[in-house]
Amino acid sequence: MNRGRRNLKQAASEQDFRLKQCQNIAKTAGKYLARFKCVSKQWSSLISSRYFCDSLTRSKQQQQEARLYMCLVDEGGHRALLSMASTSPDNTSFVVDQDLSIPGMGGYYLNDLHGLMCFSMGKKACIYNPSTGQRLTLPKIKPDIIAEQGQTRYVKRHYIGYDPIDSQHKLLCTIVMYSDRLFNLKTEHWVFVLETGGSWKKVVSHENYRPHTAFARGQSISGSVVHYLAWHDMYTCAIVRFDVRSEELTTIIVPEDVRDDMSIPALEMRAELIEYGGKIAIFEKIAIFEHSNLRTEGTAVLWVLEDAEKKEWSTRSLVLQPCQRHLVQDIELIVKGTTQDGKVILAPLEMHSGFYILCYDLQSNDLSKVEIKGIPHRWFDKECYFDLRLMNKKHWVFVLETGGSWKKVVSHENYRPHTAFARGQSISGSVVHYLAWHDMYTCAIVRFDVRSEELTTIIVPEDVRDDMSIPALEMRAELIEYGGKIAIFEKIAIFEHSNLRTEGTAVLWVLEDAEKKEWSTRSLVLQPCQRHLVQDIELIVKGTTQDGKVILAPLEMHSGFYILCYDLQSNDLSKVEIKGIPHRWFDKECYFDLRLMNKSERVIYVET
């Protein structure tokens, strides 16, 4: 009985601790979450968990700050992704405060749901979380449809949906091929579950399925059902509905009255889907906002899909107030979604200086102007395309996972267990090297071949640890790259500096031939005028600079912190001051590490 009570008490205590962890991390700016996952396996598991996501959602729901995201692309292929913050309580003005442009970003359509964005990266789709800065590039789709003679158009659209039953986000991809005026139309649909090990799966179409092409603009994502406007041909418009859970596609033909009095509706109709029903979180109804006559007559028509199963529609005519007609008369507008409180966002078709958007309140029939400031001038008064998304901070935050998994390395028959140095590791291109101990007296270099995934060890010469009673406790030696250019990593060397502080000397042990296990040595003696730099402080090696200098750092943090750079070629020691470290880190016990990285280092994108 007592044991059971203790277990319950322990479980409750652990639950309270976990809750406090979630609350503390959730208070932190979201852009650091991806970094926090690297702290430990426990933190990574916690941040990725549904428990944390729910906790973070509740935290974000208390914040109503809206952010506007804008994606731009010009005829030359230059692209930008801008983030804007509201500068007024009523969201009547936004200013650009972040440039989130991503190298290789393609297209200009932004699809979003629960704080996740989707756009193209070349021929692949990319999921991006602007709150955490994390992005995930999905595998390329290999479509089954093949272009026939005359089929010159290829369109790919992505939409994000959410299955609340299995708590899964899914990405729908629609691939279309057709010739001029939508002849020879072919369509395929693929779905990707955003989870570890996810892959593209082709959607099986029902027997009454008709090929279609999605609107160039005008799509709407409504919770567990993705909706978008599409054309079966130049005269037949439809709403396409994708049930995220069942992964089934259905279509609803748009009433002919929507496209009445148009000779070629696909070229003339100005209509977009919007969410309609009061609260954006509910998405009670889907409506078509038809605004072909907004500029000329100041009128629009709202076509509300009252019952999707029965395909029942209702209409509502909208007439602008005379005092607001001037806002729409001299400019062509397109719909860019809705605000949190259901207002329709109207944006100019073309970019211009003094850029702004309009918010149309369908309930009060009121039009308000929202200024957009800080867009770089290079985007104005030229041919360019853009998309907008208004996202509130109450949107959910999800951490994206890659599809990798741990695999145990098979050790060879002569393998000896070892423990890596607490410090002193070196990564050399396609081979990882680190210093290790087999026991308190036997030191070795461990080599891991990245391609073959094989481990080998090279015993360090006894002379390196000579005159030491217990080498593992006394030796001050670290691996460094040695050979002129860091990009070549021609040789690996041990920089043994146990006597640097007391005698001003060090020894460089160079591994000349790893296969033959041949070594060479070089004695280093500090210049007398530089001995004072090392006499009163214990130093540890923290790698090398781009030009091969050894970086030496104090073992302990202190005010007036600095590092030393030791030029092995000229035997010269230089001091490098480090400023701006918060004072709370000085004069107390703490641990730190340093890495010097050049901007010429290659940037690698992690994919599934």
Foldseek 3Di string as FASTA:
>chain_A
DVVVVVVVVVVVVVVVVLLVVLLVVLVDQQQCLVVQLVPDVVSVCSQQDPVSLVSNLVVLLVFFWKKKWKWKAFPVGDIWIWIWTQPDPVQQEIETDDTLDDPQWDDFDWEDALQWIWGDRVQWIKIARPRHRDMFTADHDDDPDDDDPQFDDKDKDKYWEADVVVRWIKIKIKIWIAHPQRHPIDIWIWMWIQDAPIHIDTQDADPPDAGWAFQPDAWDYQYQKGWTWTDSGQQWIWIWIARNPVRYIDIATDDNVQQPPPPRSNVQWAKHKEQDDFASNHSQWIWIWTCSCCQPQVKIKIWIQNDPVVRDIDMDIAHADPVCSVVRNPFDWHWAYADRRGWTKIAGQAAAPQGWIWTADPVVRDIHIHTYYHDDPVRHPHGMGMHMDMDTSSRGDHDGDFNDDDDDQDADPPDADWAFDPDAWDCQPQKTWTWTDSDQQWIWIWIARNPVRYIDIATDDNVQQPPPPRSNPQWAKHKEQDDFASNHSQWIWIWTCSCCQPFVKIKIWIQNDPVVRDIDMDIAHADPVCNVVRNPFDWHWAYADRRGWTKIAGQAAAPQGWIWTADPVVRDIDIGTDDDDDPVRHPDDDGDHDDDDDPPDDDDDDHD
